[in-house]
């Protein structure tokens, strides 16, 4: 398994590697990382290990996706799929952030919120961490228990 650096002219901005067909692109300033493998089954991941959140994270991931597409590292289909995935992940994180802030403001533990909502504590944790695509019904129950509004801008 070999790893090669692609487009050395942009090494000051991005670290791009191709390891047996899996391309990983990391923004050196922010830590935002995109990975993908195209083929019979396209696989993609996006993650922010830096301080970017919300609209700043979406903007950076879109910039990186556009760069990768413009330089022939992505097909148009994969670029479109990645853009949708980035927006979805950011929305889940934003909802989770709002739930956590409201829970802390209400001086509730995860367990007490879960009990009052009638759902598992692990479910609340996954929602707060942005790892779960919460239903509108569950979100309405959580917002009602916390006596708050949860909003998301798309």
N, C-alpha and C. Protein backbone atom coordinates (compact mmCIF):
# COMPACT_ATOMS: atom_id res chain seq x y z
N UNK A 1 0.85 -1.17 0.00
CA UNK A 1 0.00 0.00 0.00
C UNK A 1 0.90 1.24 0.00
N UNK A 2 0.75 2.07 -1.00
CA UNK A 2 1.59 3.27 -1.09
C UNK A 2 0.74 4.50 -0.92
N UNK A 3 1.38 5.55 -0.46
CA UNK A 3 0.70 6.82 -0.28
C UNK A 3 1.48 7.86 -1.06
N UNK A 4 0.81 8.57 -1.94
CA UNK A 4 1.48 9.59 -2.73
C UNK A 4 0.82 10.94 -2.50
N UNK A 5 1.60 11.99 -2.52
CA UNK A 5 1.07 13.33 -2.37
C UNK A 5 0.69 13.86 -3.74
N UNK A 6 -0.50 14.44 -3.83
CA UNK A 6 -1.02 14.95 -5.08
C UNK A 6 -0.93 16.47 -5.09
N UNK A 7 -0.51 17.05 -6.21
CA UNK A 7 -0.50 18.49 -6.40
C UNK A 7 0.33 19.20 -5.33
N UNK A 8 1.63 19.03 -5.40
CA UNK A 8 2.53 19.58 -4.40
C UNK A 8 2.51 21.11 -4.34
N UNK A 9 2.01 21.75 -5.37
CA UNK A 9 1.95 23.22 -5.40
C UNK A 9 1.02 23.76 -4.32
N UNK A 10 0.06 22.97 -3.88
CA UNK A 10 -0.90 23.43 -2.88
C UNK A 10 -0.67 22.81 -1.51
N UNK A 11 0.53 22.33 -1.25
CA UNK A 11 0.83 21.72 0.03
C UNK A 11 0.76 22.72 1.18
N UNK A 12 0.85 24.02 0.88
CA UNK A 12 0.74 25.01 1.95
C UNK A 12 -0.71 25.15 2.43
N UNK A 13 -1.68 24.71 1.62
CA UNK A 13 -3.09 24.84 1.97
C UNK A 13 -3.72 23.50 2.34
N UNK A 14 -3.46 22.48 1.55
CA UNK A 14 -4.07 21.17 1.75
C UNK A 14 -3.01 20.08 1.77
N UNK A 15 -3.28 19.07 2.55
CA UNK A 15 -2.51 17.83 2.49
C UNK A 15 -3.41 16.83 1.78
N UNK A 16 -2.98 16.35 0.62
CA UNK A 16 -3.80 15.43 -0.17
C UNK A 16 -2.99 14.16 -0.41
N UNK A 17 -3.57 13.04 -0.02
CA UNK A 17 -2.90 11.76 -0.25
C UNK A 17 -3.85 10.81 -0.97
N UNK A 18 -3.25 9.89 -1.73
CA UNK A 18 -4.00 8.83 -2.39
C UNK A 18 -3.38 7.53 -1.95
N UNK A 19 -4.12 6.79 -1.15
CA UNK A 19 -3.62 5.53 -0.61
C UNK A 19 -4.47 4.40 -1.19
N UNK A 20 -3.97 3.77 -2.22
CA UNK A 20 -4.68 2.66 -2.90
C UNK A 20 -6.09 3.06 -3.34
N UNK A 21 -6.24 4.26 -3.88
CA UNK A 21 -7.53 4.71 -4.39
C UNK A 21 -8.37 5.48 -3.40
N UNK A 22 -8.01 5.47 -2.11
CA UNK A 22 -8.74 6.27 -1.13
C UNK A 22 -8.02 7.61 -1.00
N UNK A 23 -8.72 8.67 -1.38
CA UNK A 23 -8.14 10.01 -1.35
C UNK A 23 -8.53 10.69 -0.04
N UNK A 24 -7.56 11.28 0.64
CA UNK A 24 -7.80 12.04 1.86
C UNK A 24 -7.26 13.44 1.65
N UNK A 25 -8.10 14.41 1.93
CA UNK A 25 -7.74 15.82 1.76
C UNK A 25 -7.95 16.52 3.09
N UNK A 26 -6.89 17.14 3.61
CA UNK A 26 -6.97 17.81 4.91
C UNK A 26 -6.57 19.27 4.74
N UNK A 27 -7.41 20.17 5.24
CA UNK A 27 -7.09 21.59 5.23
C UNK A 27 -6.12 21.84 6.38
N UNK A 28 -4.93 22.31 6.07
CA UNK A 28 -3.89 22.46 7.08
C UNK A 28 -4.20 23.54 8.10
N UNK A 29 -4.96 24.55 7.72
CA UNK A 29 -5.26 25.65 8.63
C UNK A 29 -6.37 25.31 9.63
N UNK A 30 -7.36 24.52 9.19
CA UNK A 30 -8.54 24.29 10.03
C UNK A 30 -8.68 22.87 10.56
N UNK A 31 -8.02 21.92 9.92
CA UNK A 31 -8.14 20.53 10.33
C UNK A 31 -9.32 19.80 9.72
N UNK A 32 -10.12 20.48 8.90
CA UNK A 32 -11.24 19.81 8.24
C UNK A 32 -10.67 18.76 7.29
N UNK A 33 -11.21 17.53 7.37
CA UNK A 33 -10.71 16.43 6.57
C UNK A 33 -11.84 15.81 5.77
N UNK A 34 -11.61 15.62 4.47
CA UNK A 34 -12.54 14.91 3.59
C UNK A 34 -11.83 13.68 3.07
N UNK A 35 -12.51 12.54 3.05
CA UNK A 35 -11.95 11.31 2.49
C UNK A 35 -12.98 10.68 1.58
N UNK A 36 -12.52 10.08 0.48
CA UNK A 36 -13.44 9.41 -0.42
C UNK A 36 -12.72 8.34 -1.21
N UNK A 37 -13.51 7.38 -1.67
CA UNK A 37 -13.04 6.34 -2.57
C UNK A 37 -14.14 6.15 -3.60
N UNK A 38 -13.80 6.34 -4.86
CA UNK A 38 -14.79 6.18 -5.91
C UNK A 38 -14.60 4.83 -6.57
N UNK A 39 -15.67 4.28 -7.03
CA UNK A 39 -15.62 2.99 -7.69
C UNK A 39 -17.02 2.43 -7.79
N UNK A 40 -17.13 1.10 -7.69
CA UNK A 40 -18.44 0.47 -7.73
C UNK A 40 -19.34 1.00 -6.63
N UNK A 41 -18.78 1.12 -5.44
CA UNK A 41 -19.51 1.70 -4.31
C UNK A 41 -18.71 2.89 -3.80
N UNK A 42 -19.25 4.08 -3.98
CA UNK A 42 -18.57 5.29 -3.51
C UNK A 42 -18.68 5.38 -2.00
N UNK A 43 -17.57 5.67 -1.34
CA UNK A 43 -17.60 5.90 0.10
C UNK A 43 -17.00 7.26 0.38
N UNK A 44 -17.59 7.98 1.32
CA UNK A 44 -17.13 9.31 1.66
C UNK A 44 -17.26 9.55 3.14
N UNK A 45 -16.32 10.30 3.71
CA UNK A 45 -16.44 10.74 5.09
C UNK A 45 -15.99 12.20 5.16
N UNK A 46 -16.56 12.93 6.06
CA UNK A 46 -16.16 14.32 6.32
C UNK A 46 -16.06 14.46 7.83
N UNK A 47 -15.02 15.14 8.29
CA UNK A 47 -14.95 15.40 9.72
C UNK A 47 -14.20 16.69 9.98
N UNK A 48 -14.57 17.33 11.05
CA UNK A 48 -13.91 18.55 11.46
C UNK A 48 -13.22 18.28 12.78
N UNK A 49 -11.90 18.25 12.75
CA UNK A 49 -11.15 18.07 13.98
C UNK A 49 -10.69 19.41 14.53
N UNK A 50 -10.98 20.47 13.80
CA UNK A 50 -10.59 21.80 14.24
C UNK A 50 -11.73 22.53 14.91
N UNK A 51 -11.65 23.85 14.91
CA UNK A 51 -12.62 24.67 15.64
C UNK A 51 -13.81 25.07 14.78
N UNK A 52 -13.81 24.71 13.49
CA UNK A 52 -14.91 25.14 12.63
C UNK A 52 -16.19 24.37 12.94
N UNK A 53 -17.28 25.11 13.00
CA UNK A 53 -18.60 24.52 13.24
C UNK A 53 -19.61 25.26 12.38
N UNK A 54 -20.78 24.67 12.23
CA UNK A 54 -21.89 25.32 11.56
C UNK A 54 -21.56 25.79 10.16
N UNK A 55 -21.96 27.03 9.84
CA UNK A 55 -21.81 27.55 8.48
C UNK A 55 -20.35 27.67 8.07
N UNK A 56 -19.44 27.92 9.01
CA UNK A 56 -18.01 28.00 8.66
C UNK A 56 -17.50 26.64 8.22
N UNK A 57 -17.95 25.58 8.90
CA UNK A 57 -17.57 24.21 8.52
C UNK A 57 -18.12 23.86 7.14
N UNK A 58 -19.39 24.19 6.90
CA UNK A 58 -19.99 23.91 5.60
C UNK A 58 -19.24 24.65 4.50
N UNK A 59 -18.93 25.94 4.72
CA UNK A 59 -18.22 26.72 3.71
C UNK A 59 -16.86 26.12 3.41
N UNK A 60 -16.11 25.70 4.43
CA UNK A 60 -14.79 25.12 4.22
C UNK A 60 -14.89 23.79 3.47
N UNK A 61 -15.83 22.94 3.86
CA UNK A 61 -15.99 21.64 3.19
C UNK A 61 -16.41 21.84 1.73
N UNK A 62 -17.27 22.83 1.47
CA UNK A 62 -17.66 23.12 0.09
C UNK A 62 -16.47 23.62 -0.72
N UNK A 63 -15.66 24.48 -0.12
CA UNK A 63 -14.46 24.98 -0.79
C UNK A 63 -13.53 23.82 -1.15
N UNK A 64 -13.34 22.92 -0.21
CA UNK A 64 -12.45 21.78 -0.45
C UNK A 64 -13.02 20.85 -1.51
N UNK A 65 -14.34 20.62 -1.48
CA UNK A 65 -14.97 19.77 -2.47
C UNK A 65 -14.84 20.39 -3.86
N UNK A 66 -15.06 21.70 -3.97
CA UNK A 66 -14.91 22.40 -5.25
C UNK A 66 -13.49 22.29 -5.77
N UNK A 67 -12.52 22.46 -4.88
CA UNK A 67 -11.11 22.36 -5.26
C UNK A 67 -10.81 20.95 -5.79
N UNK A 68 -11.28 19.95 -5.05
CA UNK A 68 -11.02 18.56 -5.45
C UNK A 68 -11.66 18.25 -6.80
N UNK A 69 -12.87 18.75 -7.02
CA UNK A 69 -13.55 18.52 -8.29
C UNK A 69 -12.82 19.24 -9.43
N UNK A 70 -12.45 20.51 -9.19
CA UNK A 70 -11.76 21.30 -10.21
C UNK A 70 -10.41 20.70 -10.61
N UNK A 71 -9.79 19.97 -9.70
CA UNK A 71 -8.48 19.39 -9.97
C UNK A 71 -8.55 17.90 -10.30
N UNK A 72 -9.75 17.44 -10.65
CA UNK A 72 -9.91 16.08 -11.13
C UNK A 72 -9.80 14.99 -10.07
N UNK A 73 -9.93 15.36 -8.81
CA UNK A 73 -9.84 14.37 -7.74
C UNK A 73 -11.19 13.74 -7.42
N UNK A 74 -12.26 14.37 -7.88
CA UNK A 74 -13.63 13.90 -7.63
C UNK A 74 -14.44 13.93 -8.91
N UNK A 75 -15.36 12.99 -9.07
CA UNK A 75 -16.33 13.08 -10.15
C UNK A 75 -17.44 14.02 -9.71
N UNK A 76 -18.23 14.49 -10.65
CA UNK A 76 -19.32 15.41 -10.32
C UNK A 76 -20.32 14.76 -9.37
N UNK A 77 -20.64 13.49 -9.59
CA UNK A 77 -21.60 12.79 -8.74
C UNK A 77 -21.11 12.72 -7.30
N UNK A 78 -19.85 12.37 -7.12
CA UNK A 78 -19.30 12.28 -5.77
C UNK A 78 -19.24 13.65 -5.11
N UNK A 79 -18.88 14.69 -5.87
CA UNK A 79 -18.83 16.05 -5.32
C UNK A 79 -20.21 16.48 -4.83
N UNK A 80 -21.27 16.20 -5.61
CA UNK A 80 -22.63 16.54 -5.20
C UNK A 80 -23.04 15.78 -3.94
N UNK A 81 -22.71 14.50 -3.90
CA UNK A 81 -23.04 13.67 -2.74
C UNK A 81 -22.32 14.19 -1.50
N UNK A 82 -21.05 14.56 -1.65
CA UNK A 82 -20.29 15.07 -0.51
C UNK A 82 -20.88 16.38 0.00
N UNK A 83 -21.30 17.25 -0.90
CA UNK A 83 -21.89 18.53 -0.48
C UNK A 83 -23.15 18.29 0.35
N UNK A 84 -24.00 17.34 -0.08
CA UNK A 84 -25.21 17.03 0.69
C UNK A 84 -24.86 16.43 2.05
N UNK A 85 -23.86 15.56 2.08
CA UNK A 85 -23.47 14.91 3.32
C UNK A 85 -22.92 15.93 4.33
N UNK A 86 -22.12 16.87 3.86
CA UNK A 86 -21.56 17.90 4.73
C UNK A 86 -22.67 18.73 5.35
N UNK A 87 -23.66 19.13 4.54
CA UNK A 87 -24.77 19.92 5.06
C UNK A 87 -25.56 19.14 6.10
N UNK A 88 -25.77 17.85 5.86
CA UNK A 88 -26.52 17.01 6.80
C UNK A 88 -25.77 16.88 8.12
N UNK A 89 -24.46 16.64 8.06
CA UNK A 89 -23.68 16.51 9.28
C UNK A 89 -23.68 17.79 10.08
N UNK A 90 -23.56 18.92 9.40
CA UNK A 90 -23.55 20.20 10.09
C UNK A 90 -24.88 20.47 10.77
N UNK A 91 -25.98 20.11 10.12
CA UNK A 91 -27.30 20.31 10.72
C UNK A 91 -27.45 19.47 11.99
N UNK A 92 -27.00 18.21 11.95
CA UNK A 92 -27.09 17.35 13.13
C UNK A 92 -26.25 17.93 14.27
N UNK A 93 -25.06 18.43 13.96
CA UNK A 93 -24.21 19.02 15.01
C UNK A 93 -24.86 20.25 15.62
N UNK A 94 -25.47 21.08 14.78
CA UNK A 94 -26.11 22.30 15.27
C UNK A 94 -27.29 21.96 16.17
N UNK A 95 -28.10 21.01 15.78
CA UNK A 95 -29.22 20.58 16.62
C UNK A 95 -28.68 20.05 17.95
N UNK A 96 -27.67 19.22 17.90
CA UNK A 96 -27.07 18.66 19.11
C UNK A 96 -26.53 19.73 20.04
N UNK A 97 -25.89 20.74 19.46
CA UNK A 97 -25.35 21.85 20.26
C UNK A 97 -26.47 22.58 20.99
N UNK A 98 -27.57 22.83 20.29
CA UNK A 98 -28.69 23.54 20.89
C UNK A 98 -29.35 22.71 21.99
N UNK A 99 -29.49 21.42 21.77
CA UNK A 99 -30.08 20.55 22.80
C UNK A 99 -29.19 20.55 24.04
N UNK A 100 -27.90 20.40 23.85
CA UNK A 100 -26.98 20.36 24.99
C UNK A 100 -26.99 21.67 25.76
N UNK A 101 -26.94 22.80 25.05
CA UNK A 101 -26.96 24.11 25.71
C UNK A 101 -28.25 24.31 26.51
N UNK A 102 -29.38 23.90 25.93
CA UNK A 102 -30.66 24.05 26.63
C UNK A 102 -30.73 23.12 27.84
N UNK A 103 -30.20 21.91 27.71
CA UNK A 103 -30.20 20.97 28.84
C UNK A 103 -29.35 21.51 29.98
N UNK A 104 -28.18 22.02 29.66
CA UNK A 104 -27.30 22.58 30.70
C UNK A 104 -27.94 23.81 31.34
N UNK A 105 -28.56 24.67 30.53
CA UNK A 105 -29.23 25.85 31.07
C UNK A 105 -30.38 25.47 31.99
N UNK A 106 -31.03 24.33 31.70
CA UNK A 106 -32.12 23.85 32.54
C UNK A 106 -31.60 23.06 33.74
N UNK A 107 -30.27 22.95 33.86
CA UNK A 107 -29.62 22.23 34.95
C UNK A 107 -30.10 20.78 35.05
N UNK A 108 -30.15 20.16 33.87
CA UNK A 108 -30.58 18.76 33.82
C UNK A 108 -29.40 17.89 33.39
N UNK A 109 -29.38 16.68 33.89
CA UNK A 109 -28.40 15.70 33.42
C UNK A 109 -28.97 15.03 32.17
N UNK A 110 -28.11 14.34 31.46
CA UNK A 110 -28.57 13.58 30.30
C UNK A 110 -29.61 12.56 30.74
N UNK A 111 -29.33 11.88 31.85
CA UNK A 111 -30.25 10.86 32.36
C UNK A 111 -31.62 11.46 32.69
N UNK A 112 -31.65 12.61 33.38
CA UNK A 112 -32.94 13.20 33.75
C UNK A 112 -33.72 13.66 32.52
N UNK A 113 -33.02 14.23 31.53
CA UNK A 113 -33.70 14.62 30.29
C UNK A 113 -34.26 13.39 29.59
N UNK A 114 -33.46 12.35 29.52
CA UNK A 114 -33.90 11.12 28.86
C UNK A 114 -35.15 10.55 29.55
N UNK A 115 -35.11 10.52 30.88
CA UNK A 115 -36.25 9.99 31.63
C UNK A 115 -37.52 10.80 31.37
N UNK A 116 -37.40 12.13 31.39
CA UNK A 116 -38.57 12.98 31.17
C UNK A 116 -39.10 12.90 29.74
N UNK A 117 -38.20 12.58 28.80
CA UNK A 117 -38.60 12.46 27.39
C UNK A 117 -39.09 11.05 27.06
N UNK A 118 -38.76 10.10 27.92
CA UNK A 118 -39.15 8.72 27.66
C UNK A 118 -38.27 8.03 26.62
N UNK A 119 -37.02 8.47 26.53
CA UNK A 119 -36.06 7.84 25.60
C UNK A 119 -34.78 7.52 26.36
N UNK A 120 -33.92 6.73 25.75
CA UNK A 120 -32.68 6.33 26.40
C UNK A 120 -31.65 7.44 26.50
N UNK A 121 -30.83 7.37 27.55
CA UNK A 121 -29.77 8.38 27.74
C UNK A 121 -28.76 8.32 26.60
N UNK A 122 -28.49 7.13 26.09
CA UNK A 122 -27.56 7.00 24.95
C UNK A 122 -28.08 7.73 23.73
N UNK A 123 -29.38 7.72 23.56
CA UNK A 123 -30.03 8.42 22.45
C UNK A 123 -29.78 9.93 22.58
N UNK A 124 -29.97 10.46 23.78
CA UNK A 124 -29.72 11.89 24.03
C UNK A 124 -28.25 12.22 23.75
N UNK A 125 -27.35 11.37 24.21
CA UNK A 125 -25.92 11.59 23.98
C UNK A 125 -25.61 11.63 22.50
N UNK A 126 -26.14 10.69 21.72
CA UNK A 126 -25.88 10.68 20.27
C UNK A 126 -26.46 11.92 19.60
N UNK A 127 -27.61 12.39 20.06
CA UNK A 127 -28.20 13.61 19.51
C UNK A 127 -27.29 14.80 19.82
N UNK A 128 -26.86 14.93 21.07
CA UNK A 128 -26.02 16.06 21.47
C UNK A 128 -24.68 16.07 20.74
N UNK A 129 -24.17 14.90 20.41
CA UNK A 129 -22.88 14.81 19.70
C UNK A 129 -23.03 14.93 18.19
N UNK A 130 -24.27 15.02 17.70
CA UNK A 130 -24.51 15.14 16.27
C UNK A 130 -24.30 13.84 15.51
N UNK A 131 -24.38 12.72 16.21
CA UNK A 131 -24.17 11.42 15.56
C UNK A 131 -25.47 10.73 15.20
N UNK A 132 -26.58 11.38 15.43
CA UNK A 132 -27.88 10.76 15.18
C UNK A 132 -28.80 11.74 14.47
N UNK A 133 -29.48 11.26 13.46
CA UNK A 133 -30.43 12.07 12.72
C UNK A 133 -31.78 12.00 13.44
N UNK A 134 -31.99 12.90 14.36
CA UNK A 134 -33.17 12.88 15.23
C UNK A 134 -34.44 13.20 14.45
N UNK A 135 -35.52 12.52 14.78
CA UNK A 135 -36.80 12.78 14.11
C UNK A 135 -37.40 14.08 14.64
N UNK A 136 -38.29 14.66 13.85
CA UNK A 136 -38.97 15.89 14.26
C UNK A 136 -39.81 15.63 15.51
N UNK A 137 -40.42 14.45 15.61
CA UNK A 137 -41.25 14.11 16.78
C UNK A 137 -40.40 14.08 18.06
N UNK A 138 -39.26 13.41 17.99
CA UNK A 138 -38.38 13.32 19.16
C UNK A 138 -37.84 14.70 19.52
N UNK A 139 -37.47 15.47 18.52
CA UNK A 139 -36.96 16.82 18.78
C UNK A 139 -38.03 17.69 19.44
N UNK A 140 -39.27 17.54 19.02
CA UNK A 140 -40.37 18.31 19.62
C UNK A 140 -40.55 17.92 21.09
N UNK A 141 -40.42 16.64 21.40
CA UNK A 141 -40.54 16.19 22.79
C UNK A 141 -39.41 16.79 23.63
N UNK A 142 -38.18 16.72 23.12
CA UNK A 142 -37.02 17.26 23.84
C UNK A 142 -37.18 18.76 24.06
N UNK A 143 -37.55 19.49 23.01
CA UNK A 143 -37.72 20.94 23.12
C UNK A 143 -38.82 21.28 24.13
N UNK A 144 -39.90 20.48 24.15
CA UNK A 144 -40.98 20.71 25.10
C UNK A 144 -40.53 20.50 26.54
N UNK A 145 -39.79 19.43 26.77
CA UNK A 145 -39.29 19.16 28.13
C UNK A 145 -38.34 20.26 28.57
N UNK A 146 -37.52 20.74 27.66
CA UNK A 146 -36.55 21.79 27.98
C UNK A 146 -37.15 23.20 27.91
N UNK A 147 -38.39 23.30 27.45
CA UNK A 147 -39.09 24.58 27.30
C UNK A 147 -38.23 25.55 26.48
N UNK A 148 -37.85 25.09 25.29
CA UNK A 148 -36.99 25.89 24.41
C UNK A 148 -37.37 25.68 22.97
N UNK A 149 -36.83 26.50 22.10
CA UNK A 149 -36.97 26.33 20.65
C UNK A 149 -35.66 25.78 20.12
N UNK A 150 -35.75 24.84 19.21
CA UNK A 150 -34.59 24.32 18.51
C UNK A 150 -34.75 24.75 17.06
N UNK A 151 -33.81 25.52 16.55
CA UNK A 151 -33.91 26.01 15.17
C UNK A 151 -32.70 25.58 14.37
N UNK A 152 -32.92 25.40 13.10
CA UNK A 152 -31.81 25.06 12.20
C UNK A 152 -31.99 25.88 10.93
N UNK A 153 -30.91 26.48 10.47
CA UNK A 153 -30.93 27.28 9.26
C UNK A 153 -30.36 26.45 8.14
N UNK A 154 -31.11 26.36 7.05
CA UNK A 154 -30.62 25.58 5.89
C UNK A 154 -30.41 26.47 4.70
